[in-house]
Protein backbone atom coordinates (compact mmCIF):
# COMPACT_ATOMS: atom_id res chain seq x y z
CA UNK A 1 212.68 62.44 13.50
CA UNK A 2 212.99 62.13 17.28
CA UNK A 3 216.60 63.36 17.09
CA UNK A 4 215.57 66.45 15.12
CA UNK A 5 212.80 67.29 17.60
CA UNK A 6 215.23 66.90 20.49
CA UNK A 7 217.61 69.36 18.86
CA UNK A 8 214.87 71.89 18.13
CA UNK A 9 213.22 71.84 21.56
CA UNK A 10 215.17 72.16 24.79
CA UNK A 11 213.73 70.21 27.74
CA UNK A 12 211.79 72.23 30.32
CA UNK A 13 211.80 71.55 34.05
CA UNK A 14 208.81 71.47 36.39
CA UNK A 15 209.94 74.80 37.79
CA UNK A 16 210.01 76.40 34.34
CA UNK A 17 206.50 75.16 33.54
CA UNK A 18 205.14 76.53 36.82
CA UNK A 19 206.76 79.90 36.21
CA UNK A 20 205.21 80.10 32.74
CA UNK A 21 201.79 79.10 34.10
CA UNK A 22 202.05 81.67 36.88
CA UNK A 23 202.74 84.40 34.33
CA UNK A 24 199.68 83.33 32.30
CA UNK A 25 197.51 83.39 35.42
CA UNK A 26 198.16 87.12 35.71
CA UNK A 27 198.30 87.20 39.48
CA UNK A 28 195.74 84.49 40.28
CA UNK A 29 196.86 82.00 42.92
CA UNK A 30 198.26 78.80 41.34
CA UNK A 31 197.06 76.46 44.11
CA UNK A 32 193.55 77.85 44.38
CA UNK A 33 193.05 78.15 40.65
CA UNK A 34 194.57 75.02 39.17
CA UNK A 35 194.83 72.36 41.88
CA UNK A 36 191.74 70.15 42.25
CA UNK A 37 190.82 68.28 45.44
CA UNK A 38 188.60 65.20 45.12
CA UNK A 39 186.25 63.65 47.68
CA UNK A 40 189.01 61.18 48.51
CA UNK A 41 191.43 64.00 49.31
CA UNK A 42 193.46 63.36 46.16
CA UNK A 43 195.18 66.38 44.60
CA UNK A 44 195.02 66.67 40.81
CA UNK A 45 197.70 68.88 39.30
CA UNK A 46 197.34 70.85 36.05
CA UNK A 47 200.37 69.05 34.60
CA UNK A 48 202.76 66.21 35.40
CA UNK A 49 206.46 66.02 34.69
CA UNK A 50 209.29 63.51 34.71
CA UNK A 51 210.97 65.51 37.48
CA UNK A 52 208.32 64.33 39.96
CA UNK A 53 207.61 60.92 38.48
CA UNK A 54 207.77 57.99 40.88
CA UNK A 55 207.11 54.60 39.30
CA UNK A 56 205.40 51.99 41.45
CA UNK A 57 206.16 48.30 41.18
CA UNK A 58 202.72 46.94 40.29
CA UNK A 59 202.29 43.27 39.35
CA UNK A 60 200.02 43.02 36.31
CA UNK A 61 198.60 39.96 34.52
CA UNK A 62 200.51 38.57 31.59
CA UNK A 63 197.44 37.35 29.71
CA UNK A 64 194.73 39.34 27.96
CA UNK A 65 191.40 39.89 29.71
CA UNK A 66 188.53 37.42 29.45
CA UNK A 67 185.05 38.43 28.28
CA UNK A 68 182.53 37.03 30.71
CA UNK A 69 178.79 36.49 30.38
CA UNK A 70 176.75 36.40 33.60
CA UNK A 71 173.96 33.82 33.54
CA UNK A 72 171.12 33.26 36.00
CA UNK A 73 170.00 29.67 36.54
CA UNK A 74 166.18 29.65 36.29
CA UNK A 75 166.59 26.05 35.12
CA UNK A 76 169.59 23.99 34.11
CA UNK A 77 168.34 23.64 30.52
CA UNK A 78 167.80 27.38 30.04
CA UNK A 79 171.13 28.32 31.63
CA UNK A 80 172.96 25.74 29.53
CA UNK A 81 171.40 27.04 26.33
CA UNK A 82 172.31 30.64 27.28
CA UNK A 83 175.88 29.57 28.06
CA UNK A 84 176.36 27.79 24.73
CA UNK A 85 174.94 30.80 22.88
CA UNK A 86 177.26 33.21 24.75
CA UNK A 87 180.31 31.10 23.88
CA UNK A 88 179.30 30.92 20.22
CA UNK A 89 178.95 34.71 20.20
CA UNK A 90 182.38 35.51 21.64
CA UNK A 91 182.39 35.00 25.42
CA UNK A 92 185.30 33.00 26.82
CA UNK A 93 184.21 33.10 30.45
CA UNK A 94 180.88 32.38 32.15
CA UNK A 95 179.57 33.40 35.58
CA UNK A 96 176.64 31.39 36.89
CA UNK A 97 174.40 32.96 39.55
CA UNK A 98 172.82 30.23 41.66
CA UNK A 99 170.22 30.71 44.39
CA UNK A 100 169.98 27.00 45.18
CA UNK A 101 171.78 23.72 44.34
CA UNK A 102 171.39 22.56 40.75
CA UNK A 103 172.01 19.55 38.53
CA UNK A 104 175.68 20.07 37.61
CA UNK A 105 175.78 17.48 34.82
CA UNK A 106 172.81 19.09 33.09
CA UNK A 107 174.15 22.62 33.44
CA UNK A 108 177.61 21.85 32.04
CA UNK A 109 176.47 19.67 29.15
CA UNK A 110 178.66 20.47 26.09
CA UNK A 111 180.56 23.18 28.03
CA UNK A 112 183.60 21.28 29.26
CA UNK A 113 187.06 21.05 27.68
CA UNK A 114 186.55 24.19 25.60
CA UNK A 115 189.03 26.47 27.38
CA UNK A 116 186.18 28.37 29.03
CA UNK A 117 186.73 30.06 32.39
CA UNK A 118 183.93 29.37 34.91
CA UNK A 119 182.85 31.67 37.75
CA UNK A 120 180.13 31.27 40.34
CA UNK A 121 178.02 33.52 42.51
CA UNK A 122 176.39 31.32 45.15
CA UNK A 123 173.56 32.73 47.25
CA UNK A 124 173.90 29.75 49.60
CA UNK A 125 176.67 27.60 51.08
CA UNK A 126 176.93 23.82 50.88
CA UNK A 127 180.16 21.90 51.36
CA UNK A 128 178.92 18.69 49.70
CA UNK A 129 177.42 20.47 46.71
CA UNK A 130 180.55 22.51 46.01
CA UNK A 131 182.78 19.45 46.44
CA UNK A 132 180.69 17.69 43.79
CA UNK A 133 181.22 20.60 41.39
CA UNK A 134 184.98 20.61 41.99
CA UNK A 135 185.09 16.95 40.96
CA UNK A 136 183.14 17.59 37.76
CA UNK A 137 185.24 20.67 36.90
CA UNK A 138 188.60 19.31 38.07
CA UNK A 139 190.23 20.00 34.69
CA UNK A 140 188.69 23.46 34.19
CA UNK A 141 189.65 26.95 35.34
CA UNK A 142 187.08 27.74 38.02
CA UNK A 143 186.49 30.57 40.52
CA UNK A 144 183.99 29.57 43.21
CA UNK A 145 183.81 32.99 44.90
CA UNK A 146 182.62 31.81 48.30
CA UNK A 147 182.59 34.89 50.49
CA UNK A 148 181.03 34.44 53.90
CA UNK A 149 182.23 37.89 55.01
CA UNK A 150 180.70 39.44 51.90
CA UNK A 151 177.42 37.74 52.80
CA UNK A 152 177.33 39.25 56.27
CA UNK A 153 178.32 42.64 54.82
CA UNK A 154 175.38 42.49 52.41
CA UNK A 155 172.71 40.81 54.53
CA UNK A 156 173.79 41.19 58.16
CA UNK A 157 173.83 37.43 58.72
CA UNK A 158 176.15 34.48 58.40
CA UNK A 159 174.90 31.66 56.22
CA UNK A 160 174.80 29.45 59.32
CA UNK A 161 177.07 30.92 61.99
CA UNK A 162 180.58 32.37 62.15
CA UNK A 163 182.01 29.08 63.37
CA UNK A 164 180.13 26.85 60.94
CA UNK A 165 180.72 29.10 57.91
CA UNK A 166 184.46 29.26 58.50
CA UNK A 167 184.56 25.52 59.11
CA UNK A 168 182.92 24.86 55.74
CA UNK A 169 185.35 26.99 53.76
CA UNK A 170 188.28 25.61 55.76
CA UNK A 171 187.27 22.08 54.71
CA UNK A 172 186.75 23.15 51.11
CA UNK A 173 190.20 24.76 50.96
CA UNK A 174 191.84 21.72 52.52
CA UNK A 175 190.18 19.39 50.01
CA UNK A 176 190.82 21.73 47.05
CA UNK A 177 194.15 23.48 47.83
CA UNK A 178 194.85 24.50 44.22
CA UNK A 179 191.39 25.93 43.52
CA UNK A 180 190.06 29.48 43.85
CA UNK A 181 187.54 28.68 46.57
CA UNK A 182 187.42 32.14 48.16
CA UNK A 183 186.12 35.37 46.71
CA UNK A 184 186.11 38.92 48.04
CA UNK A 185 182.99 40.53 46.62
CA UNK A 186 183.59 44.20 47.25
CA UNK A 187 181.34 45.50 44.47
CA UNK A 188 178.86 46.07 47.32
CA UNK A 189 180.98 48.90 48.72
CA UNK A 190 181.21 50.80 45.43
CA UNK A 191 177.53 50.35 44.67
CA UNK A 192 176.61 51.50 48.18
CA UNK A 193 178.58 54.74 47.76
CA UNK A 194 182.14 54.18 48.98
CA UNK A 195 184.74 56.38 47.29
CA UNK A 196 187.80 54.99 45.54
CA UNK A 197 190.07 55.07 48.59
CA UNK A 198 187.44 53.50 50.83
CA UNK A 199 186.81 50.71 48.33
CA UNK A 200 190.46 49.69 48.33
CA UNK A 201 190.86 49.98 52.09
CA UNK A 202 187.72 47.93 52.79
CA UNK A 203 188.70 45.33 50.20
CA UNK A 204 192.10 44.92 51.83
CA UNK A 205 190.58 44.70 55.33
CA UNK A 206 187.93 42.27 54.07
CA UNK A 207 190.61 40.05 52.49
CA UNK A 208 192.84 40.33 55.55
CA UNK A 209 190.19 38.55 57.62
CA UNK A 210 190.76 35.50 55.40
CA UNK A 211 194.53 35.94 55.36
CA UNK A 212 194.58 36.05 59.16
CA UNK A 213 192.33 33.03 59.46
CA UNK A 214 194.38 30.91 57.07
CA UNK A 215 197.85 32.31 57.85
CA UNK A 216 198.23 33.86 54.42
CA UNK A 217 198.15 30.50 52.63
CA UNK A 218 195.19 31.59 50.51
CA UNK A 219 196.73 34.90 49.39
CA UNK A 220 197.19 33.77 45.79
CA UNK A 221 193.90 31.87 45.64
CA UNK A 222 191.32 34.61 46.15
CA UNK A 223 189.34 36.28 43.40
CA UNK A 224 188.46 39.95 43.93
CA UNK A 225 185.24 41.34 42.47
CA UNK A 226 185.19 45.08 41.78
CA UNK A 227 182.57 47.42 40.36
CA UNK A 228 183.95 50.11 38.08
CA UNK A 229 182.70 53.66 38.50
CA UNK A 230 182.42 56.70 36.30
CA UNK A 231 185.74 58.46 37.07
CA UNK A 232 187.77 57.09 34.15
CA UNK A 233 191.37 57.63 35.26
CA UNK A 234 190.66 57.07 38.95
CA UNK A 235 189.10 53.69 38.16
CA UNK A 236 192.24 52.69 36.25
CA UNK A 237 194.31 53.80 39.23
CA UNK A 238 191.98 51.98 41.66
CA UNK A 239 192.81 48.54 40.30
CA UNK A 240 196.51 49.35 40.05
CA UNK A 241 196.63 50.73 43.60
CA UNK A 242 194.86 47.64 44.91
CA UNK A 243 197.29 45.31 43.15
CA UNK A 244 200.20 47.25 44.61
CA UNK A 245 198.85 47.20 48.18
CA UNK A 246 197.64 43.61 48.12
CA UNK A 247 201.07 42.44 47.03
CA UNK A 248 202.57 44.56 49.82
CA UNK A 249 200.29 43.08 52.49
CA UNK A 250 200.78 39.54 51.19
CA UNK A 251 204.49 39.91 51.86
CA UNK A 252 203.68 40.18 55.57
CA UNK A 253 202.42 36.60 55.28
CA UNK A 254 205.64 35.53 53.52
CA UNK A 255 203.85 35.37 50.16
CA UNK A 256 205.61 37.38 47.47
CA UNK A 257 204.81 38.51 43.92
CA UNK A 258 201.08 37.94 44.28
CA UNK A 259 199.21 38.98 41.15
CA UNK A 260 195.66 39.42 42.42
CA UNK A 261 192.94 37.78 40.33
CA UNK A 262 190.45 40.57 39.55
CA UNK A 263 186.93 40.28 38.14
CA UNK A 264 185.16 43.52 37.26
CA UNK A 265 181.74 44.71 36.18
CA UNK A 266 180.22 48.17 35.72
CA UNK A 267 178.77 50.05 38.67
CA UNK A 268 175.02 50.30 39.23
CA UNK A 269 175.28 53.68 40.96
CA UNK A 270 175.26 55.76 37.79
CA UNK A 271 172.85 53.80 35.62
CA UNK A 272 169.74 55.67 34.52
CA UNK A 273 166.15 54.53 34.06
CA UNK A 274 165.28 57.50 31.85
CA UNK A 275 167.62 58.19 28.93
CA UNK A 276 168.72 54.59 29.26
CA UNK A 277 170.86 54.40 26.10
CA UNK A 278 173.32 56.61 28.00
CA UNK A 279 174.06 53.49 30.04
CA UNK A 280 175.95 52.11 27.04
CA UNK A 281 178.30 55.11 27.12
CA UNK A 282 178.89 54.65 30.83
CA UNK A 283 179.50 50.91 30.66
CA UNK A 284 181.93 51.45 27.77
CA UNK A 285 184.16 53.86 29.69
CA UNK A 286 183.92 51.68 32.79
CA UNK A 287 184.99 48.62 30.80
CA UNK A 288 187.87 50.60 29.30
CA UNK A 289 189.03 51.55 32.80
CA UNK A 290 188.92 47.89 33.81
CA UNK A 291 190.97 46.83 30.80
CA UNK A 292 193.63 49.52 31.25
CA UNK A 293 193.72 48.89 35.00
CA UNK A 294 194.60 45.27 34.35
CA UNK A 295 191.44 43.31 35.20
CA UNK A 296 191.70 39.60 34.46
CA UNK A 297 188.03 39.06 33.64
CA UNK A 298 185.38 41.62 32.68
CA UNK A 299 181.63 41.14 32.66
CA UNK A 300 179.70 44.01 31.13
CA UNK A 301 176.12 44.73 32.19
CA UNK A 302 173.32 45.40 29.75
CA UNK A 303 171.98 48.91 29.23
CA UNK A 304 168.56 47.81 30.53
CA UNK A 305 169.74 45.98 33.65
CA UNK A 306 167.70 48.22 35.96
CA UNK A 307 164.33 47.76 34.32
CA UNK A 308 164.45 44.42 32.49
CA UNK A 309 165.26 40.90 33.45
CA UNK A 310 168.17 39.39 31.58
CA UNK A 311 167.36 39.19 27.88
CA UNK A 312 169.13 38.13 24.71
CA UNK A 313 169.29 41.59 23.13
CA UNK A 314 170.67 43.41 26.19
CA UNK A 315 173.22 40.66 26.87
CA UNK A 316 174.36 40.66 23.24
CA UNK A 317 174.89 44.43 23.18
CA UNK A 318 176.88 44.29 26.43
CA UNK A 319 179.06 41.45 25.18
CA UNK A 320 179.63 43.14 21.83
CA UNK A 321 180.87 46.28 23.58
CA UNK A 322 183.73 44.23 25.03
CA UNK A 323 184.37 42.43 21.76
CA UNK A 324 184.63 45.76 19.90
CA UNK A 325 187.03 47.15 22.52
CA UNK A 326 189.15 44.03 22.31
CA UNK A 327 189.18 43.26 18.61
CA UNK A 328 188.56 46.60 16.90
CA UNK A 329 189.69 49.33 19.31
CA UNK A 330 193.21 48.07 20.05
CA UNK A 331 192.47 47.17 23.68
CA UNK A 332 193.72 43.62 23.28
CA UNK A 333 196.59 42.98 25.72
CA UNK A 334 196.25 46.56 26.96
CA UNK A 335 196.83 45.74 30.64
CA UNK A 336 200.27 47.40 30.60
CA UNK A 337 199.34 50.59 28.74
CA UNK A 338 198.81 52.68 31.89
CA UNK A 339 202.31 51.89 33.15
CA UNK A 340 204.59 54.97 33.14
CA UNK A 341 201.69 57.39 32.69
CA UNK A 342 202.72 60.28 34.94
CA UNK A 343 199.16 61.24 35.83
CA UNK A 344 197.85 57.73 36.47
CA UNK A 345 200.93 56.72 38.47
CA UNK A 346 200.62 59.88 40.57
CA UNK A 347 196.99 59.31 41.54
CA UNK A 348 197.68 55.59 42.00
CA UNK A 349 200.33 56.44 44.57
CA UNK A 350 198.07 58.92 46.38
CA UNK A 351 195.14 56.49 46.44
CA UNK A 352 197.37 53.69 47.73
CA UNK A 353 198.81 55.86 50.50
CA UNK A 354 195.41 57.01 51.74
CA UNK A 355 193.86 53.54 51.50
CA UNK A 356 196.74 52.10 53.52
CA UNK A 357 196.07 54.60 56.31
CA UNK A 358 192.41 53.55 56.50
CA UNK A 359 193.37 49.87 56.38
CA UNK A 360 195.77 50.30 59.29
CA UNK A 361 193.11 52.14 61.30
CA UNK A 362 190.66 49.29 60.72
CA UNK A 363 193.21 46.72 61.89
CA UNK A 364 194.02 48.78 65.00
CA UNK A 365 190.30 48.95 65.80
CA UNK A 366 189.87 45.19 65.83
CA UNK A 367 189.58 44.36 62.16
CA UNK A 368 186.96 44.51 59.45
CA UNK A 369 184.35 42.27 61.08
CA UNK A 370 184.52 44.27 64.27
CA UNK A 371 183.93 47.54 62.44
CA UNK A 372 181.03 45.99 60.55
CA UNK A 373 179.42 44.96 63.83
CA UNK A 374 179.93 48.44 65.25
CA UNK A 375 178.42 50.03 62.14
CA UNK A 376 181.55 52.09 61.41
CA UNK A 377 181.98 50.87 57.83
CA UNK A 378 178.31 51.47 57.04
CA UNK A 379 178.37 54.98 58.52
CA UNK A 380 181.41 56.07 56.53
CA UNK A 381 180.03 54.68 53.27
CA UNK A 382 176.68 56.37 53.90
CA UNK A 383 178.37 59.71 54.54
CA UNK A 384 180.22 59.55 51.23
CA UNK A 385 177.11 58.36 49.36
CA UNK A 386 175.11 61.30 50.71
CA UNK A 387 177.91 63.68 49.77
CA UNK A 388 177.96 62.36 46.21
CA UNK A 389 174.17 62.56 45.97
CA UNK A 390 174.25 66.21 47.08
CA UNK A 391 176.94 66.96 44.49
CA UNK A 392 174.90 65.20 41.83
CA UNK A 393 171.67 67.02 42.73
CA UNK A 394 173.42 70.39 42.62
CA UNK A 395 175.10 69.68 39.28
CA UNK A 396 178.61 69.60 40.76
CA UNK A 397 178.99 65.90 39.96
CA UNK A 398 178.65 65.38 36.20
CA UNK A 399 178.29 61.83 34.90
CA UNK A 400 179.13 60.60 31.43
CA UNK A 401 176.07 61.26 29.31
CA UNK A 402 173.24 63.71 29.77
CA UNK A 403 172.60 64.42 33.44
CA UNK A 404 173.83 68.02 33.13
CA UNK A 405 171.27 68.74 30.42
CA UNK A 406 168.46 66.35 31.27
CA UNK A 407 165.43 66.17 29.04
CA UNK A 408 162.43 66.82 31.26
CA UNK A 409 160.26 64.96 28.73
CA UNK A 410 162.04 61.68 29.46
CA UNK A 411 159.62 59.21 30.99
CA UNK A 412 160.31 56.30 33.29
CA UNK A 413 160.05 52.93 31.59
CA UNK A 414 156.47 51.69 31.95
CA UNK A 415 157.73 48.12 32.50
CA UNK A 416 160.34 49.07 35.10
CA UNK A 417 161.31 46.23 37.40
CA UNK A 418 163.18 47.67 40.39
CA UNK A 419 166.16 45.71 41.59
CA UNK A 420 165.44 44.76 45.23
CA UNK A 421 168.90 45.90 46.28
CA UNK A 422 168.54 49.47 45.01
CA UNK A 423 166.42 52.53 45.58
CA UNK A 424 166.17 55.53 43.28
CA UNK A 425 165.22 59.16 43.20
CA UNK A 426 162.48 59.28 40.52
CA UNK A 427 163.58 62.76 39.36
CA UNK A 428 167.27 61.90 39.04
CA UNK A 429 169.39 59.22 37.46
CA UNK A 430 171.77 58.29 40.27
CA UNK A 431 170.93 54.85 41.59
CA UNK A 432 171.89 54.19 45.21
CA UNK A 433 171.97 50.54 46.27
CA UNK A 434 170.97 50.07 49.88
CA UNK A 435 173.55 49.09 52.48
CA UNK A 436 172.13 48.05 55.87
CA UNK A 437 172.38 50.80 58.47
CA UNK A 438 173.84 48.44 61.03
CA UNK A 439 174.70 44.98 59.80
CA UNK A 440 174.98 43.86 63.41
CA UNK A 441 171.32 44.53 64.24
CA UNK A 442 170.08 41.13 63.09
CA UNK A 443 172.97 39.40 64.87
CA UNK A 444 172.27 41.28 68.09
CA UNK A 445 168.53 40.57 67.91
CA UNK A 446 169.25 36.87 67.39
CA UNK A 447 171.70 36.83 70.32
CA UNK A 448 169.22 38.53 72.65
CA UNK A 449 166.50 36.11 71.62
CA UNK A 450 168.75 33.12 72.33
CA UNK A 451 169.78 34.52 75.70
CA UNK A 452 166.14 35.08 76.63
């Protein structure tokens, strides 16, 4: 069949396509009419052709993605029961969110030696506590996600101090050289309003602080946490562009063929508190982007995450979305599908080039921590967030779902529980998590107090 089609249809060049399009435009300017410029400065063409195709060498994972269930630890018994239930219902990875030390033996009762992948989100730092967990989980696949730079980016403070925090993770890495001790939690930047290019650039600069500190030895032992936004193809390209650039930068530390370990979850920026079932549409496309982009582990969020505490029904729906994508929608082992897509490869290349420019500027200006202290990172994210909000309010930015034709009769949930990290416009659906105006303010106030 393919031979017959080849005989019947002669190949057309890029030039021939453009000429035909120009004729159909009847005098309208090709560039002004059909080329689209995004907030990131990316150019989207009306068509893509083999003539201009440039394939990037992007390392992608060999194994299928893991379905992760996030679990708060109100008590060890409750968290353990939730974990066992999640595994029985299809999850093969668990992420525990801990605000204080817990009884490890009680939490992991009946969870070990089952091939489950464990992740952590610690809201504190304790060398002795984490060393105890590493001993208990020595035979398990574990990602500890300790991110002292992410903590200062979110809260404006070190856990203890710069010196003490780095000393703790240095000791942990020395005592656990084969473990994923470090994490780079850059979902903050997306949720605060950074565009795709900024997210990648800031993630690279964030990670480079660790690479510099540890001479690149940790390059293959960092887990990266991304939030996936609403722009379907750009989110696929985001992960691929990051993998490409991170491998490139790792080579400068004499570490080659690094396949970054990537954990993803849906963004909070576009979740609505009105027509809240729309959130299921948004998390589905965001999860699809993560799969096709090549994420290693995906944790979906429930449709009611903004107005309910974690509950069995919401968690089950979120988990089932991933199970349906994996087992019924042919997204199993789909991490290579985007390879050789002319459009995706083109925007991947553009995103990577622009992110690399920002990354180099950050390094020339003293590095990521320096720009955080100066407030540069915060200012640039705020500018983009405000731009997106203006586009959303005017109807220029259309999200998946119903925001273009909103039902004015929709009422806010009566039992709404606002996430302390977000604020919202009660007449709109775009949620904007708060990023501190100047993360250095608390540090400076503390320094002045000590000097006094």
